[in-house]
Amino acid sequence: MINYNGNFKDQPLDHFNNRGFLFGDSVFETIKVIDNKIIYWEEHYLRLMSSMRILRIQIPSLYTPDFFEEEIRKTNLKIDSFFNGRVRLTIFRTKGEVYRPDSNEPIFVINSKKTDQKLFNVNLQSYKVDLFKDYLIQSNLISNLKTNNRVVNVIGSIYAKENDLENCILLNDQKFVAQFLNGNIFIVKDSLVKTPTISSGCLNGVMRNKIIELINKLPNLEIEEKNFSPYELISSDEIWVSNSISGIIPVTEYRKKLFSNKVAITILNYLNKQIIKS
C-alpha cells in the first residue's frame, strides 16, 4: 500500500519502486546533442560503463555504444528531426526494496530536452560565485561518479540562490577545492591552468578531460592537475566552471574580486572548432 500525498494506491508505481528513487542506486550521463549528433559520445559511454562496473551493476551484452546511440537518436527524433539540446541517460538497478539488491540487472531511462543553443557560447553575463562550506565532498572514488546521490549539490544550489550567487565551489574533506556544484573547476594564473586531481573527489568529467587534452596540445599554455586550497582562488586571473553542456563558464566575481575571461574564450573557440570538424 502506498500513500502518495494523501492518495492511496494498492500497487506501487514503478518510479516509486526503483532503486534510483529509493537509494540513489543509479548512474547517469548528461550529454550535449547538436543536429542529432551526440557530442563526445565515446567518452560518455566509457564513463557510464566504468561507473556501472564500480557500482557492480550488471552490464548486458545489449548495452553497446551503437545500442544506446540509436535509443538516444530515436528519442530525439520524437521531438525534432534536427534535435539540439541535452540528453540525460540514467541507469539504475532494477530490484530490491532494502539495501541489498535482489538483482544487479539494469534499467535505462533517456530524457531529452530541446534547446536553441548549438555550439558552446561565451557567457558574458555576471557570474558571481563563492564557497559552500556547510558540507564537504569525500575524496574517494565514489565521488568521481555521476550518481543520483547529489544532496550536497542540491543544498548548495539553494544556498547559492539565497545569497544571489550563480554557483558555489565545493571543498573536500581535506579542505581542498574540489569542484563547482554543476561542473569541474579550473583556475588560470598567467599561462598556467590548474584543476584539482581526481583524488580530490571531483567529478571525473568528460569536459574536464577534453580541456586537459586540448591544453596539452597548445604551445602557450600549461596544464597542471594539482590539489589547491581556496586561498589560490583569489590570486587567480580566471576561474572557470566546466561541464558537457556549457563547455566553459567564466566566473566574473569571487569575493569582490573581478576576473577576466581571455583564456576561457580561447579554449571555447578551440572546442567549437573541434565539434564543427567532427
C-alpha atoms as a PDB file:
ATOM      1  CA  MET A   1       0.000   0.000   0.000  1.00  0.00           C
ATOM      2  CA  ILE A   2       1.280   3.436  -0.972  1.00  0.00           C
ATOM      3  CA  ASN A   3       0.056   6.730   0.445  1.00  0.00           C
ATOM      4  CA  TYR A   4       1.080   9.273  -2.180  1.00  0.00           C
ATOM      5  CA  ASN A   5       0.364  12.767  -0.897  1.00  0.00           C
ATOM      6  CA  GLY A   6      -2.919  11.620   0.645  1.00  0.00           C
ATOM      7  CA  ASN A   7      -3.949   9.287  -2.196  1.00  0.00           C
ATOM      8  CA  PHE A   8      -3.843   5.535  -1.536  1.00  0.00           C
ATOM      9  CA  LYS A   9      -2.638   3.089  -4.164  1.00  0.00           C
ATOM     10  CA  ASP A  10      -2.666  -0.700  -3.848  1.00  0.00           C
ATOM     11  CA  GLN A  11       0.343  -1.208  -6.121  1.00  0.00           C
ATOM     12  CA  PRO A  12       3.418   0.976  -6.020  1.00  0.00           C
ATOM     13  CA  LEU A  13       4.131   2.930  -9.191  1.00  0.00           C
ATOM     14  CA  ASP A  14       7.337   1.992 -10.995  1.00  0.00           C
ATOM     15  CA  HIS A  15       9.026   5.314 -10.288  1.00  0.00           C
ATOM     16  CA  PHE A  16       8.438   4.857  -6.526  1.00  0.00           C
ATOM     17  CA  ASN A  17       9.734   1.307  -6.535  1.00  0.00           C
ATOM     18  CA  ASN A  18      13.047   1.655  -8.371  1.00  0.00           C
ATOM     19  CA  ARG A  19      16.355   1.759  -6.556  1.00  0.00           C
ATOM     20  CA  GLY A  20      17.343   5.062  -8.109  1.00  0.00           C
ATOM     21  CA  PHE A  21      14.431   6.657  -6.234  1.00  0.00           C
ATOM     22  CA  LEU A  22      14.803   4.599  -3.048  1.00  0.00           C
ATOM     23  CA  PHE A  23      18.583   4.687  -2.570  1.00  0.00           C
ATOM     24  CA  GLY A  24      20.147   6.756  -5.343  1.00  0.00           C
ATOM     25  CA  ASP A  25      21.393   3.414  -6.681  1.00  0.00           C
ATOM     26  CA  SER A  26      21.972   4.699 -10.199  1.00  0.00           C
ATOM     27  CA  VAL A  27      24.397   6.463 -12.511  1.00  0.00           C
ATOM     28  CA  PHE A  28      23.759   8.967 -15.268  1.00  0.00           C
ATOM     29  CA  GLU A  29      25.323  10.943 -18.077  1.00  0.00           C
ATOM     30  CA  THR A  30      24.294  14.419 -19.239  1.00  0.00           C
ATOM     31  CA  ILE A  31      25.078  14.688 -22.931  1.00  0.00           C
ATOM     32  CA  LYS A  32      25.095  17.529 -25.445  1.00  0.00           C
ATOM     33  CA  VAL A  33      23.476  16.841 -28.831  1.00  0.00           C
ATOM     34  CA  ILE A  34      23.831  19.021 -31.946  1.00  0.00           C
ATOM     35  CA  ASP A  35      21.692  18.281 -35.031  1.00  0.00           C
ATOM     36  CA  ASN A  36      21.003  14.863 -33.530  1.00  0.00           C
ATOM     37  CA  LYS A  37      24.729  14.137 -33.248  1.00  0.00           C
ATOM     38  CA  ILE A  38      25.948  13.138 -29.781  1.00  0.00           C
ATOM     39  CA  ILE A  39      28.967  15.184 -28.732  1.00  0.00           C
ATOM     40  CA  TYR A  40      31.833  13.204 -27.151  1.00  0.00           C
ATOM     41  CA  TRP A  41      29.715  10.058 -27.198  1.00  0.00           C
ATOM     42  CA  GLU A  42      32.605   7.609 -26.828  1.00  0.00           C
ATOM     43  CA  GLU A  43      33.834   9.347 -23.671  1.00  0.00           C
ATOM     44  CA  HIS A  44      30.342   9.463 -22.147  1.00  0.00           C
ATOM     45  CA  TYR A  45      29.729   5.803 -22.958  1.00  0.00           C
ATOM     46  CA  LEU A  46      33.044   4.637 -21.471  1.00  0.00           C
ATOM     47  CA  ARG A  47      32.460   6.633 -18.294  1.00  0.00           C
ATOM     48  CA  LEU A  48      28.967   5.198 -17.971  1.00  0.00           C
ATOM     49  CA  MET A  49      30.218   1.615 -18.325  1.00  0.00           C
ATOM     50  CA  SER A  50      33.060   2.278 -15.872  1.00  0.00           C
ATOM     51  CA  SER A  51      30.602   3.696 -13.331  1.00  0.00           C
ATOM     52  CA  MET A  52      28.344   0.646 -13.696  1.00  0.00           C
ATOM     53  CA  ARG A  53      31.294  -1.665 -13.038  1.00  0.00           C
ATOM     54  CA  ILE A  54      32.332   0.264  -9.939  1.00  0.00           C
ATOM     55  CA  LEU A  55      28.760   0.077  -8.564  1.00  0.00           C
ATOM     56  CA  ARG A  56      28.547  -3.599  -9.578  1.00  0.00           C
ATOM     57  CA  ILE A  57      25.561  -3.022 -11.848  1.00  0.00           C
ATOM     58  CA  GLN A  58      25.388  -5.778 -14.438  1.00  0.00           C
ATOM     59  CA  ILE A  59      26.266  -4.718 -17.996  1.00  0.00           C
ATOM     60  CA  PRO A  60      24.136  -6.659 -20.511  1.00  0.00           C
ATOM     61  CA  SER A  61      25.690  -7.578 -23.854  1.00  0.00           C
ATOM     62  CA  LEU A  62      22.934  -5.439 -25.395  1.00  0.00           C
ATOM     63  CA  TYR A  63      24.443  -2.274 -23.883  1.00  0.00           C
ATOM     64  CA  THR A  64      26.777  -1.412 -26.733  1.00  0.00           C
ATOM     65  CA  PRO A  65      27.633   2.121 -27.903  1.00  0.00           C
ATOM     66  CA  ASP A  66      25.535   1.579 -31.033  1.00  0.00           C
ATOM     67  CA  PHE A  67      22.542   0.427 -28.992  1.00  0.00           C
ATOM     68  CA  PHE A  68      22.425   3.494 -26.774  1.00  0.00           C
ATOM     69  CA  GLU A  69      23.254   5.846 -29.627  1.00  0.00           C
ATOM     70  CA  GLU A  70      20.263   4.510 -31.549  1.00  0.00           C
ATOM     71  CA  GLU A  71      17.966   4.728 -28.499  1.00  0.00           C
ATOM     72  CA  ILE A  72      19.023   8.336 -27.918  1.00  0.00           C
ATOM     73  CA  ARG A  73      18.526   9.139 -31.607  1.00  0.00           C
ATOM     74  CA  LYS A  74      15.040   7.596 -31.648  1.00  0.00           C
ATOM     75  CA  THR A  75      14.078   9.553 -28.538  1.00  0.00           C
ATOM     76  CA  ASN A  76      15.320  12.825 -30.009  1.00  0.00           C
ATOM     77  CA  LEU A  77      13.533  12.227 -33.310  1.00  0.00           C
ATOM     78  CA  LYS A  78      10.250  12.167 -31.389  1.00  0.00           C
ATOM     79  CA  ILE A  79      10.968  15.838 -30.674  1.00  0.00           C
ATOM     80  CA  ASP A  80      12.761  17.156 -33.758  1.00  0.00           C
ATOM     81  CA  SER A  81      14.471  15.692 -36.828  1.00  0.00           C
ATOM     82  CA  PHE A  82      17.370  18.101 -36.199  1.00  0.00           C
ATOM     83  CA  PHE A  83      17.415  17.894 -32.423  1.00  0.00           C
ATOM     84  CA  ASN A  84      19.630  20.290 -30.460  1.00  0.00           C
ATOM     85  CA  GLY A  85      19.714  20.048 -26.707  1.00  0.00           C
ATOM     86  CA  ARG A  86      20.638  17.925 -23.752  1.00  0.00           C
ATOM     87  CA  VAL A  87      20.029  14.275 -23.021  1.00  0.00           C
ATOM     88  CA  ARG A  88      20.166  12.567 -19.655  1.00  0.00           C
ATOM     89  CA  LEU A  89      20.835   8.826 -19.823  1.00  0.00           C
ATOM     90  CA  THR A  90      20.179   7.218 -16.428  1.00  0.00           C
ATOM     91  CA  ILE A  91      20.762   3.596 -15.460  1.00  0.00           C
ATOM     92  CA  PHE A  92      19.502   2.157 -12.188  1.00  0.00           C
ATOM     93  CA  ARG A  93      19.488  -1.288 -10.614  1.00  0.00           C
ATOM     94  CA  THR A  94      16.130  -2.989 -11.037  1.00  0.00           C
ATOM     95  CA  LYS A  95      15.028  -4.822  -7.915  1.00  0.00           C
ATOM     96  CA  GLY A  96      15.186  -4.711  -4.145  1.00  0.00           C
ATOM     97  CA  GLU A  97      13.424  -2.573  -1.563  1.00  0.00           C
ATOM     98  CA  VAL A  98      16.220  -2.948   1.007  1.00  0.00           C
ATOM     99  CA  TYR A  99      19.892  -2.056   0.725  1.00  0.00           C
ATOM    100  CA  ARG A 100      20.900  -5.464  -0.606  1.00  0.00           C
ATOM    101  CA  PRO A 101      19.537  -5.725  -4.178  1.00  0.00           C
ATOM    102  CA  ASP A 102      17.620  -8.771  -5.390  1.00  0.00           C
ATOM    103  CA  SER A 103      19.286  -8.410  -8.771  1.00  0.00           C
ATOM    104  CA  ASN A 104      22.062  -6.396 -10.390  1.00  0.00           C
ATOM    105  CA  GLU A 105      20.207  -6.127 -13.691  1.00  0.00           C
ATOM    106  CA  PRO A 106      19.803  -2.568 -15.006  1.00  0.00           C
ATOM    107  CA  ILE A 107      17.049  -0.434 -16.468  1.00  0.00           C
ATOM    108  CA  PHE A 108      17.781   2.682 -18.522  1.00  0.00           C
ATOM    109  CA  VAL A 109      15.840   5.926 -18.881  1.00  0.00           C
ATOM    110  CA  ILE A 110      16.511   8.550 -21.569  1.00  0.00           C
ATOM    111  CA  ASN A 111      15.233  12.077 -21.020  1.00  0.00           C
ATOM    112  CA  SER A 112      15.723  14.597 -23.863  1.00  0.00           C
ATOM    113  CA  LYS A 113      15.219  18.358 -23.640  1.00  0.00           C
ATOM    114  CA  LYS A 114      15.402  20.616 -26.678  1.00  0.00           C
ATOM    115  CA  THR A 115      17.305  23.925 -26.613  1.00  0.00           C
ATOM    116  CA  ASP A 116      18.090  26.564 -29.228  1.00  0.00           C
ATOM    117  CA  GLN A 117      21.822  26.673 -28.492  1.00  0.00           C
ATOM    118  CA  LYS A 118      24.168  24.608 -30.658  1.00  0.00           C
ATOM    119  CA  LEU A 119      27.836  25.418 -30.076  1.00  0.00           C
ATOM    120  CA  PHE A 120      29.361  26.480 -26.769  1.00  0.00           C
ATOM    121  CA  ASN A 121      28.721  30.164 -26.125  1.00  0.00           C
ATOM    122  CA  VAL A 122      30.854  32.515 -24.076  1.00  0.00           C
ATOM    123  CA  ASN A 123      28.850  33.694 -21.085  1.00  0.00           C
ATOM    124  CA  LEU A 124      29.426  37.460 -20.880  1.00  0.00           C
ATOM    125  CA  GLN A 125      26.850  37.918 -18.124  1.00  0.00           C
ATOM    126  CA  SER A 126      27.715  38.475 -14.497  1.00  0.00           C
ATOM    127  CA  TYR A 127      28.665  35.161 -12.883  1.00  0.00           C
ATOM    128  CA  LYS A 128      29.284  35.560  -9.171  1.00  0.00           C
ATOM    129  CA  VAL A 129      30.412  32.593  -7.062  1.00  0.00           C
ATOM    130  CA  ASP A 130      31.546  31.788  -3.551  1.00  0.00           C
ATOM    131  CA  LEU A 131      32.455  28.805  -1.381  1.00  0.00           C
ATOM    132  CA  PHE A 132      29.851  26.408   0.008  1.00  0.00           C
ATOM    133  CA  LYS A 133      31.329  25.096   3.256  1.00  0.00           C
ATOM    134  CA  ASP A 134      28.331  23.605   5.066  1.00  0.00           C
ATOM    135  CA  TYR A 135      29.006  20.113   3.689  1.00  0.00           C
ATOM    136  CA  LEU A 136      32.147  18.611   2.171  1.00  0.00           C
ATOM    137  CA  ILE A 137      32.796  16.145  -0.653  1.00  0.00           C
ATOM    138  CA  GLN A 138      34.523  12.905   0.268  1.00  0.00           C
ATOM    139  CA  SER A 139      37.853  12.442  -1.507  1.00  0.00           C
ATOM    140  CA  ASN A 140      37.233   8.917  -2.778  1.00  0.00           C
ATOM    141  CA  LEU A 141      36.349   7.003  -5.942  1.00  0.00           C
ATOM    142  CA  ILE A 142      32.573   7.155  -5.418  1.00  0.00           C
ATOM    143  CA  SER A 143      32.672  10.964  -5.512  1.00  0.00           C
ATOM    144  CA  ASN A 144      34.175  10.798  -9.012  1.00  0.00           C
ATOM    145  CA  LEU A 145      30.993   9.135 -10.344  1.00  0.00           C
ATOM    146  CA  LYS A 146      27.783  10.781 -11.562  1.00  0.00           C
ATOM    147  CA  THR A 147      25.291   9.042  -9.306  1.00  0.00           C
ATOM    148  CA  ASN A 148      21.856  10.178  -8.129  1.00  0.00           C
ATOM    149  CA  ASN A 149      23.306  10.954  -4.692  1.00  0.00           C
ATOM    150  CA  ARG A 150      23.564  14.727  -5.249  1.00  0.00           C
ATOM    151  CA  VAL A 151      22.136  16.076  -1.991  1.00  0.00           C
ATOM    152  CA  VAL A 152      25.171  18.312  -1.327  1.00  0.00           C
ATOM    153  CA  ASN A 153      24.771  19.823  -4.798  1.00  0.00           C
ATOM    154  CA  VAL A 154      21.052  20.441  -4.214  1.00  0.00           C
ATOM    155  CA  ILE A 155      21.562  22.122  -0.837  1.00  0.00           C
ATOM    156  CA  GLY A 156      24.452  24.123  -2.253  1.00  0.00           C
ATOM    157  CA  SER A 157      22.272  25.298  -5.136  1.00  0.00           C
ATOM    158  CA  ILE A 158      19.634  26.517  -2.675  1.00  0.00           C
ATOM    159  CA  TYR A 159      22.354  28.307  -0.703  1.00  0.00           C
ATOM    160  CA  ALA A 160      23.570  29.960  -3.918  1.00  0.00           C
ATOM    161  CA  LYS A 161      20.077  31.211  -4.751  1.00  0.00           C
ATOM    162  CA  GLU A 162      19.547  32.541  -1.222  1.00  0.00           C
ATOM    163  CA  ASN A 163      22.811  34.501  -1.464  1.00  0.00           C
ATOM    164  CA  ASP A 164      22.390  35.854  -5.011  1.00  0.00           C
ATOM    165  CA  LEU A 165      25.144  33.636  -6.390  1.00  0.00           C
ATOM    166  CA  GLU A 166      25.244  31.869  -9.746  1.00  0.00           C
ATOM    167  CA  ASN A 167      27.229  28.933  -8.397  1.00  0.00           C
ATOM    168  CA  CYS A 168      29.257  27.653  -5.468  1.00  0.00           C
ATOM    169  CA  ILE A 169      32.620  25.957  -5.104  1.00  0.00           C
ATOM    170  CA  LEU A 170      32.674  22.715  -3.130  1.00  0.00           C
ATOM    171  CA  LEU A 171      35.539  21.660  -0.849  1.00  0.00           C
ATOM    172  CA  ASN A 172      36.573  18.117   0.018  1.00  0.00           C
ATOM    173  CA  ASP A 173      37.172  16.573   3.444  1.00  0.00           C
ATOM    174  CA  GLN A 174      40.792  17.774   3.302  1.00  0.00           C
ATOM    175  CA  LYS A 175      39.541  21.369   2.789  1.00  0.00           C
ATOM    176  CA  PHE A 176      40.970  21.463  -0.732  1.00  0.00           C
ATOM    177  CA  VAL A 177      38.980  22.854  -3.656  1.00  0.00           C
ATOM    178  CA  ALA A 178      37.119  20.006  -5.393  1.00  0.00           C
ATOM    179  CA  GLN A 179      34.621  21.310  -7.961  1.00  0.00           C
ATOM    180  CA  PHE A 180      31.602  23.513  -8.629  1.00  0.00           C
ATOM    181  CA  LEU A 181      28.027  22.465  -7.895  1.00  0.00           C
ATOM    182  CA  ASN A 182      27.439  21.587 -11.544  1.00  0.00           C
ATOM    183  CA  GLY A 183      30.883  21.054 -13.021  1.00  0.00           C
ATOM    184  CA  ASN A 184      34.621  20.925 -12.634  1.00  0.00           C
ATOM    185  CA  ILE A 185      36.779  23.897 -11.725  1.00  0.00           C
ATOM    186  CA  PHE A 186      39.808  25.370 -13.480  1.00  0.00           C
ATOM    187  CA  ILE A 187      41.875  28.362 -12.394  1.00  0.00           C
ATOM    188  CA  VAL A 188      44.323  30.356 -14.534  1.00  0.00           C
ATOM    189  CA  LYS A 189      47.403  32.265 -13.387  1.00  0.00           C
ATOM    190  CA  ASP A 190      49.468  33.760 -16.208  1.00  0.00           C
ATOM    191  CA  SER A 191      49.970  30.836 -18.633  1.00  0.00           C
ATOM    192  CA  LEU A 192      49.317  28.072 -16.086  1.00  0.00           C
ATOM    193  CA  VAL A 193      45.898  26.415 -15.946  1.00  0.00           C
ATOM    194  CA  LYS A 194      45.259  24.314 -12.862  1.00  0.00           C
ATOM    195  CA  THR A 195      42.496  21.851 -11.931  1.00  0.00           C
ATOM    196  CA  PRO A 196      42.135  19.527  -8.905  1.00  0.00           C
ATOM    197  CA  THR A 197      43.266  15.917  -9.220  1.00  0.00           C
ATOM    198  CA  ILE A 198      40.762  13.085  -9.465  1.00  0.00           C
ATOM    199  CA  SER A 199      41.869  12.048  -5.954  1.00  0.00           C
ATOM    200  CA  SER A 200      40.304  15.299  -4.659  1.00  0.00           C
ATOM    201  CA  GLY A 201      36.870  13.702  -5.109  1.00  0.00           C
ATOM    202  CA  CYS A 202      35.949  15.891  -8.056  1.00  0.00           C
ATOM    203  CA  LEU A 203      33.757  14.562 -10.836  1.00  0.00           C
ATOM    204  CA  ASN A 204      35.705  12.676 -13.498  1.00  0.00           C
ATOM    205  CA  GLY A 205      34.156  14.970 -16.062  1.00  0.00           C
ATOM    206  CA  VAL A 206      34.152  14.396 -19.809  1.00  0.00           C
ATOM    207  CA  MET A 207      34.623  18.126 -20.474  1.00  0.00           C
ATOM    208  CA  ARG A 208      37.336  18.300 -17.812  1.00  0.00           C
ATOM    209  CA  ASN A 209      39.304  15.639 -19.646  1.00  0.00           C
ATOM    210  CA  LYS A 210      38.721  17.293 -23.038  1.00  0.00           C
ATOM    211  CA  ILE A 211      40.033  20.626 -21.745  1.00  0.00           C
ATOM    212  CA  ILE A 212      43.131  18.974 -20.261  1.00  0.00           C
ATOM    213  CA  GLU A 213      43.727  17.122 -23.531  1.00  0.00           C
ATOM    214  CA  LEU A 214      43.369  20.342 -25.545  1.00  0.00           C
ATOM    215  CA  ILE A 215      45.636  22.498 -23.350  1.00  0.00           C
ATOM    216  CA  ASN A 216      48.352  19.837 -23.527  1.00  0.00           C
ATOM    217  CA  LYS A 217      48.456  20.464 -27.289  1.00  0.00           C
ATOM    218  CA  LEU A 218      48.672  24.265 -27.075  1.00  0.00           C
ATOM    219  CA  PRO A 219      52.153  25.835 -27.062  1.00  0.00           C
ATOM    220  CA  ASN A 220      51.407  28.902 -24.932  1.00  0.00           C
ATOM    221  CA  LEU A 221      49.557  27.234 -22.061  1.00  0.00           C
ATOM    222  CA  GLU A 222      50.459  24.682 -19.408  1.00  0.00           C
ATOM    223  CA  ILE A 223      48.012  22.443 -17.561  1.00  0.00           C
ATOM    224  CA  GLU A 224      48.564  21.089 -14.078  1.00  0.00           C
ATOM    225  CA  GLU A 225      46.398  18.630 -12.148  1.00  0.00           C
ATOM    226  CA  LYS A 226      47.113  19.519  -8.541  1.00  0.00           C
ATOM    227  CA  ASN A 227      45.071  19.950  -5.390  1.00  0.00           C
ATOM    228  CA  PHE A 228      44.934  23.514  -4.114  1.00  0.00           C
ATOM    229  CA  SER A 229      43.399  25.453  -1.256  1.00  0.00           C
ATOM    230  CA  PRO A 230      40.738  28.178  -1.539  1.00  0.00           C
ATOM    231  CA  TYR A 231      43.474  30.780  -0.969  1.00  0.00           C
ATOM    232  CA  GLU A 232      44.663  30.274  -4.555  1.00  0.00           C
ATOM    233  CA  LEU A 233      41.289  31.300  -5.948  1.00  0.00           C
ATOM    234  CA  ILE A 234      41.621  34.952  -5.053  1.00  0.00           C
ATOM    235  CA  SER A 235      45.083  35.230  -6.642  1.00  0.00           C
ATOM    236  CA  SER A 236      43.979  33.706  -9.950  1.00  0.00           C
ATOM    237  CA  ASP A 237      43.415  35.628 -13.172  1.00  0.00           C
ATOM    238  CA  GLU A 238      40.489  33.445 -14.268  1.00  0.00           C
ATOM    239  CA  ILE A 239      38.174  30.843 -12.730  1.00  0.00           C
ATOM    240  CA  TRP A 240      36.081  28.519 -14.911  1.00  0.00           C
ATOM    241  CA  VAL A 241      33.162  26.186 -14.489  1.00  0.00           C
ATOM    242  CA  SER A 242      33.324  23.305 -16.983  1.00  0.00           C
ATOM    243  CA  ASN A 243      30.667  20.782 -17.950  1.00  0.00           C
ATOM    244  CA  SER A 244      29.483  18.927 -21.044  1.00  0.00           C
ATOM    245  CA  ILE A 245      26.524  21.211 -21.749  1.00  0.00           C
ATOM    246  CA  SER A 246      28.078  24.683 -21.368  1.00  0.00           C
ATOM    247  CA  GLY A 247      31.705  23.852 -22.125  1.00  0.00           C
ATOM    248  CA  ILE A 248      33.286  26.618 -20.066  1.00  0.00           C
ATOM    249  CA  ILE A 249      31.558  29.305 -17.992  1.00  0.00           C
ATOM    250  CA  PRO A 250      33.981  32.065 -16.908  1.00  0.00           C
ATOM    251  CA  VAL A 251      33.493  33.382 -13.381  1.00  0.00           C
ATOM    252  CA  THR A 252      33.259  37.184 -13.251  1.00  0.00           C
ATOM    253  CA  GLU A 253      33.339  37.703  -9.477  1.00  0.00           C
ATOM    254  CA  TYR A 254      34.550  35.837  -6.399  1.00  0.00           C
ATOM    255  CA  ARG A 255      34.646  37.579  -3.017  1.00  0.00           C
ATOM    256  CA  LYS A 256      34.501  41.043  -4.615  1.00  0.00           C
ATOM    257  CA  LYS A 257      37.404  40.348  -6.977  1.00  0.00           C
ATOM    258  CA  LEU A 258      36.649  40.613 -10.695  1.00  0.00           C
ATOM    259  CA  PHE A 259      38.106  38.075 -13.126  1.00  0.00           C
ATOM    260  CA  SER A 260      38.939  38.108 -16.833  1.00  0.00           C
ATOM    261  CA  ASN A 261      37.942  35.510 -19.443  1.00  0.00           C
ATOM    262  CA  LYS A 262      40.616  35.795 -22.159  1.00  0.00           C
ATOM    263  CA  VAL A 263      41.954  32.231 -21.876  1.00  0.00           C
ATOM    264  CA  ALA A 264      38.445  30.810 -21.436  1.00  0.00           C
ATOM    265  CA  ILE A 265      37.345  32.359 -24.737  1.00  0.00           C
ATOM    266  CA  THR A 266      40.398  30.920 -26.482  1.00  0.00           C
ATOM    267  CA  ILE A 267      39.700  27.402 -25.199  1.00  0.00           C
ATOM    268  CA  LEU A 268      35.990  27.642 -26.062  1.00  0.00           C
ATOM    269  CA  ASN A 269      36.837  28.647 -29.626  1.00  0.00           C
ATOM    270  CA  TYR A 270      39.105  25.603 -29.963  1.00  0.00           C
ATOM    271  CA  LEU A 271      36.385  23.322 -28.562  1.00  0.00           C
ATOM    272  CA  ASN A 272      33.827  24.681 -31.023  1.00  0.00           C
ATOM    273  CA  LYS A 273      36.246  24.124 -33.928  1.00  0.00           C
ATOM    274  CA  GLN A 274      36.687  20.502 -32.824  1.00  0.00           C
ATOM    275  CA  ILE A 275      32.928  19.978 -32.749  1.00  0.00           C
ATOM    276  CA  ILE A 276      32.434  21.515 -36.191  1.00  0.00           C
ATOM    277  CA  LYS A 277      35.181  19.308 -37.698  1.00  0.00           C
ATOM    278  CA  SER A 278      33.937  16.084 -36.065  1.00  0.00           C
END
